[in-house]
Amino acid sequence: MGKLSNLFTQVRKARSGKGIGFVGKNTLAAKPRAAALLVELNKADAGNAEAAVKAGADGLIFVWKGDENTEVLGKAVAAAHVAGEDVLAGLYIRSGWEKLERADFEKFKESGLSFVILPLNAPARLLALEIKDMEAIVSVPMRSGELYPVFIRNLSAFDSVTAVHLDFDLNSEIGDLSIEDVLHYRAVREAIHAPALVNVKGVPGEDDAYALLALGIQAVVLMESKDTATTSQQIRDLHDLLEKVHQEDKEASKLGLNVR
């Protein structure tokens, strides 16, 4: 089981706290949650990364546009690991992929990153690199057309794809989605038998959270706000919300919310 899959599994289980000792760090007790909580940071900043983890983020996503400094990136990841040794860090490759080679992915791994997110128009050769301990996520946009889910289903042929990022551009009125709307989104999501992440801006309402779960997601990605204080508060609020809407596996299965 990869680190991402392990994270998605662990957040749905209660965790007892442990004190500080010669090995390991303080770990706070945690209640089970409906989904993991990742935060996408606007830039690689050690202070912001540490603050996000301390606020309750399970993982961080940094953005790569082709000219970022891997040394600065490494320092940000290191700061995150100081705040939480089990936190995961990944890189969203938004541009500059034409210059990326195996050596670059090895540097990403050396910087402490454990996964990358690739858009659909990134070179397929990047999926074939299969760097050890570096997982690949493909970002899937929502497009119209009855055959689109069939087209997207072909992603399952890539063994290196461990999860999908549902780039559905959902607005703040998620809770107002009709059953038909959810069915269209769900058709695309169900086409791929892999864990799914979806972005949120700010903290959704409780009804919105249940609508997101109806899409069959395993993690939410909170977009960083304008300042650290606001982002930290949003992380705490979203963390509490995911605890509140958590349902036992048996009950969730009856509602059709779990993706196996």
Protein backbone atom coordinates (compact mmCIF):
# COMPACT_ATOMS: atom_id res chain seq x y z
CA MET A 1 0.00 0.00 0.00
CA GLY A 2 1.40 3.42 -0.98
CA LYS A 3 1.64 6.39 1.36
CA LEU A 4 -1.42 8.08 -0.15
CA SER A 5 -3.61 5.00 0.14
CA ASN A 6 -2.40 4.51 3.70
CA LEU A 7 -3.32 8.12 4.52
CA PHE A 8 -6.82 7.76 3.09
CA THR A 9 -7.31 4.65 5.20
CA GLN A 10 -5.88 6.02 8.43
CA VAL A 11 -7.96 9.21 8.56
CA ARG A 12 -11.11 7.09 8.80
CA LYS A 13 -9.80 5.44 11.96
CA ALA A 14 -9.49 6.83 15.47
CA ARG A 15 -5.91 7.42 16.65
CA SER A 16 -4.71 7.59 20.24
CA GLY A 17 -2.12 10.14 21.30
CA LYS A 18 1.41 9.39 22.40
CA GLY A 19 3.84 11.36 24.48
CA ILE A 20 7.25 12.52 23.46
CA GLY A 21 10.13 10.07 23.91
CA PHE A 22 13.53 9.15 22.58
CA VAL A 23 11.94 8.10 19.30
CA GLY A 24 9.03 9.84 17.69
CA LYS A 25 7.30 13.11 18.46
CA ASN A 26 4.14 14.17 20.18
CA THR A 27 1.10 12.86 18.37
CA LEU A 28 -2.31 14.19 19.32
CA ALA A 29 -5.28 11.91 19.59
CA ALA A 30 -7.44 12.11 16.47
CA LYS A 31 -11.03 11.26 15.73
CA PRO A 32 -11.94 9.53 12.46
CA ARG A 33 -12.79 11.81 9.56
CA ALA A 34 -14.74 11.44 6.35
CA ALA A 35 -11.73 12.39 4.20
CA ALA A 36 -8.10 13.43 4.39
CA LEU A 37 -7.27 17.15 4.36
CA LEU A 38 -4.56 18.47 2.03
CA VAL A 39 -3.62 22.13 1.53
CA GLU A 40 -2.37 23.60 -1.74
CA LEU A 41 0.15 26.36 -1.04
CA ASN A 42 0.71 29.25 -3.42
CA LYS A 43 4.49 29.05 -3.01
CA ALA A 44 7.13 27.01 -1.22
CA ASP A 45 7.37 28.85 2.10
CA ALA A 46 8.71 27.04 5.17
CA GLY A 47 6.69 29.15 7.61
CA ASN A 48 3.40 28.66 5.79
CA ALA A 49 4.06 24.94 5.37
CA GLU A 50 4.75 24.48 9.08
CA ALA A 51 1.70 26.54 10.06
CA ALA A 52 -0.60 24.49 7.80
CA VAL A 53 0.53 21.21 9.34
CA LYS A 54 0.23 22.54 12.89
CA ALA A 55 -3.34 23.62 12.07
CA GLY A 56 -4.24 20.05 11.10
CA ALA A 57 -3.32 19.44 7.45
CA ASP A 58 -2.56 15.82 6.58
CA GLY A 59 -0.56 16.81 3.54
CA LEU A 60 0.68 19.74 1.47
CA ILE A 61 0.70 20.38 -2.26
CA PHE A 62 3.25 22.75 -3.75
CA VAL A 63 2.98 24.17 -7.28
CA TRP A 64 5.60 23.64 -10.00
CA LYS A 65 5.61 26.01 -12.98
CA GLY A 66 9.06 25.15 -14.29
CA ASP A 67 11.31 27.68 -12.55
CA GLU A 68 10.91 26.85 -8.84
CA ASN A 69 13.98 26.33 -6.65
CA THR A 70 14.21 22.73 -5.42
CA GLU A 71 16.36 23.81 -2.47
CA VAL A 72 13.66 26.21 -1.25
CA LEU A 73 11.10 23.51 -1.87
CA GLY A 74 13.12 21.05 0.19
CA LYS A 75 13.30 23.50 3.13
CA ALA A 76 9.52 23.94 3.05
CA VAL A 77 8.97 20.18 3.06
CA ALA A 78 11.48 19.77 5.91
CA ALA A 79 9.61 22.40 7.95
CA ALA A 80 6.37 20.53 7.35
CA HIS A 81 7.94 17.28 8.58
CA VAL A 82 9.17 19.00 11.74
CA ALA A 83 5.57 19.97 12.48
CA GLY A 84 4.26 16.50 11.61
CA GLU A 85 6.56 13.61 10.81
CA ASP A 86 3.86 11.64 8.96
CA VAL A 87 2.65 14.53 6.79
CA LEU A 88 2.78 13.96 3.03
CA ALA A 89 4.02 16.52 0.53
CA GLY A 90 3.40 16.58 -3.20
CA LEU A 91 3.95 18.71 -6.26
CA TYR A 92 1.34 19.87 -8.76
CA ILE A 93 3.06 20.13 -12.16
CA ARG A 94 1.11 23.00 -13.74
CA SER A 95 3.58 23.86 -16.51
CA GLY A 96 7.18 23.38 -17.58
CA TRP A 97 6.68 19.62 -17.93
CA GLU A 98 8.35 19.48 -21.35
CA LYS A 99 11.74 19.96 -19.63
CA LEU A 100 11.23 17.41 -16.87
CA GLU A 101 13.29 14.23 -16.90
CA ARG A 102 13.84 11.31 -14.53
CA ALA A 103 16.64 13.24 -12.78
CA ASP A 104 14.17 16.02 -11.89
CA PHE A 105 11.76 13.55 -10.30
CA GLU A 106 14.64 12.05 -8.34
CA LYS A 107 15.41 15.57 -7.04
CA PHE A 108 11.75 15.99 -6.08
CA LYS A 109 11.96 12.78 -4.06
CA GLU A 110 15.21 13.93 -2.42
CA SER A 111 13.38 17.12 -1.42
CA GLY A 112 10.93 15.01 0.57
CA LEU A 113 8.08 14.86 -1.91
CA SER A 114 6.12 11.62 -2.18
CA PHE A 115 3.68 12.33 -5.02
CA VAL A 116 3.14 14.48 -8.11
CA ILE A 117 -0.07 15.67 -9.75
CA LEU A 118 -0.09 15.75 -13.55
CA PRO A 119 -2.69 17.38 -15.81
CA LEU A 120 -4.16 15.41 -18.72
CA ASN A 121 -2.07 17.33 -21.26
CA ALA A 122 1.23 16.50 -19.56
CA PRO A 123 3.52 14.09 -21.50
CA ALA A 124 2.53 10.44 -21.03
CA ARG A 125 6.23 9.59 -20.67
CA LEU A 126 6.13 11.11 -17.17
CA LEU A 127 3.74 8.38 -16.06
CA ALA A 128 6.16 5.75 -17.34
CA LEU A 129 9.07 6.96 -15.18
CA GLU A 130 7.85 5.00 -12.14
CA ILE A 131 10.19 6.54 -9.57
CA LYS A 132 10.31 4.43 -6.41
CA ASP A 133 8.35 5.99 -3.52
CA MET A 134 6.99 8.68 -5.85
CA GLU A 135 3.27 8.25 -6.58
CA ALA A 136 1.44 9.76 -9.54
CA ILE A 137 -1.94 11.51 -9.48
CA VAL A 138 -3.69 12.61 -12.69
CA SER A 139 -5.89 15.70 -12.68
CA VAL A 140 -9.20 15.01 -14.42
CA PRO A 141 -11.37 17.96 -15.57
CA MET A 142 -15.14 17.72 -15.98
CA ARG A 143 -16.23 17.74 -19.61
CA SER A 144 -19.57 17.19 -21.27
CA GLY A 145 -20.43 14.27 -23.50
CA GLU A 146 -21.84 10.82 -22.86
CA LEU A 147 -18.59 9.15 -23.94
CA TYR A 148 -16.34 11.20 -21.66
CA PRO A 149 -16.53 8.69 -18.75
CA VAL A 150 -15.61 5.92 -21.20
CA PHE A 151 -12.64 7.98 -22.38
CA ILE A 152 -11.49 8.69 -18.81
CA ARG A 153 -11.84 5.02 -17.86
CA ASN A 154 -8.72 4.32 -19.93
CA LEU A 155 -6.65 5.95 -17.18
CA SER A 156 -7.09 2.72 -15.25
CA ALA A 157 -4.74 1.10 -17.76
CA PHE A 158 -1.84 3.05 -16.21
CA ASP A 159 -0.67 1.06 -13.21
CA SER A 160 1.39 4.04 -12.06
CA VAL A 161 -1.72 6.17 -11.42
CA THR A 162 -2.49 5.78 -7.72
CA ALA A 163 -5.19 8.49 -7.42
CA VAL A 164 -7.09 11.10 -9.41
CA HIS A 165 -7.55 14.78 -8.77
CA LEU A 166 -11.10 15.74 -9.75
CA ASP A 167 -10.70 19.21 -11.25
CA PHE A 168 -14.45 19.80 -11.34
CA ASP A 169 -14.35 23.53 -10.51
CA LEU A 170 -17.25 23.16 -8.09
CA ASN A 171 -18.52 26.48 -6.78
CA SER A 172 -19.66 27.43 -3.29
CA GLU A 173 -23.17 26.11 -3.99
CA ILE A 174 -22.14 22.48 -3.90
CA GLY A 175 -25.08 21.64 -1.67
CA ASP A 176 -27.49 22.80 -4.38
CA LEU A 177 -26.32 20.23 -6.92
CA SER A 178 -29.23 18.21 -8.26
CA ILE A 179 -29.27 14.43 -8.33
CA GLU A 180 -28.74 14.65 -12.10
CA ASP A 181 -25.71 16.92 -11.61
CA VAL A 182 -24.18 14.54 -9.08
CA LEU A 183 -24.81 11.60 -11.43
CA HIS A 184 -22.84 13.33 -14.20
CA TYR A 185 -19.93 14.03 -11.85
CA ARG A 186 -20.17 10.58 -10.33
CA ALA A 187 -20.09 8.92 -13.77
CA VAL A 188 -16.68 10.45 -14.38
CA ARG A 189 -15.46 9.68 -10.87
CA GLU A 190 -16.66 6.05 -11.03
CA ALA A 191 -14.92 5.52 -14.36
CA ILE A 192 -11.60 5.27 -12.54
CA HIS A 193 -11.08 2.75 -9.77
CA ALA A 194 -8.70 4.87 -7.71
CA PRO A 195 -8.91 7.21 -4.71
CA ALA A 196 -10.05 10.74 -5.55
CA LEU A 197 -9.17 14.26 -4.39
CA VAL A 198 -11.29 17.36 -4.97
CA ASN A 199 -10.53 21.06 -4.41
CA VAL A 200 -12.47 23.37 -2.09
CA LYS A 201 -12.15 27.12 -1.64
CA GLY A 202 -12.77 28.08 1.95
CA VAL A 203 -14.82 25.91 4.27
CA PRO A 204 -17.95 24.39 2.71
CA GLY A 205 -21.18 24.19 4.69
CA GLU A 206 -22.34 20.91 6.17
CA ASP A 207 -24.77 20.29 3.29
CA ASP A 208 -21.98 21.01 0.81
CA ALA A 209 -19.72 18.55 2.61
CA TYR A 210 -22.29 15.77 2.29
CA ALA A 211 -22.66 16.58 -1.41
CA LEU A 212 -18.88 16.27 -1.84
CA LEU A 213 -18.92 12.89 -0.11
CA ALA A 214 -21.64 11.79 -2.51
CA LEU A 215 -19.03 12.12 -5.27
CA GLY A 216 -17.01 9.35 -3.62
CA ILE A 217 -13.91 11.31 -2.59
CA GLN A 218 -11.11 10.30 -0.23
CA ALA A 219 -9.50 13.73 0.27
CA VAL A 220 -10.28 17.42 0.01
CA VAL A 221 -7.69 19.96 -1.11
CA LEU A 222 -8.05 23.36 0.54
CA MET A 223 -6.66 26.26 -1.48
CA GLU A 224 -4.39 28.53 0.57
CA SER A 225 -6.02 31.84 1.53
CA LYS A 226 -4.59 35.35 1.43
CA ASP A 227 -2.80 35.08 4.78
CA THR A 228 -1.49 32.40 7.14
CA ALA A 229 -3.95 33.16 9.94
CA THR A 230 -6.98 32.80 7.66
CA THR A 231 -5.65 29.59 6.12
CA SER A 232 -4.91 28.07 9.54
CA GLN A 233 -8.42 28.85 10.76
CA GLN A 234 -9.94 27.37 7.61
CA ILE A 235 -7.88 24.21 8.11
CA ARG A 236 -9.12 23.85 11.69
CA ASP A 237 -12.73 24.49 10.66
CA LEU A 238 -12.57 22.04 7.76
CA HIS A 239 -10.89 19.45 9.97
CA ASP A 240 -13.78 19.74 12.45
CA LEU A 241 -16.34 19.56 9.65
CA LEU A 242 -14.82 16.37 8.24
CA GLU A 243 -15.03 14.85 11.71
CA LYS A 244 -18.65 15.91 12.06
CA VAL A 245 -19.84 14.44 8.77
CA HIS A 246 -17.90 11.23 9.21
CA GLN A 247 -20.05 8.13 9.01
CA GLU A 248 -19.20 4.57 9.90
CA ASP A 249 -18.30 2.41 6.89
CA LYS A 250 -21.43 0.30 7.24
CA GLU A 251 -23.75 3.30 7.20
CA ALA A 252 -21.82 5.04 4.42
CA SER A 253 -21.98 1.92 2.27
CA LYS A 254 -25.75 1.86 2.58
CA LEU A 255 -25.83 5.43 1.27
CA GLY A 256 -23.49 4.60 -1.59
CA LEU A 257 -20.75 7.00 -0.40
CA ASN A 258 -17.84 4.58 -0.31
CA VAL A 259 -15.72 3.78 -3.33
CA ARG A 260 -14.13 0.34 -3.17
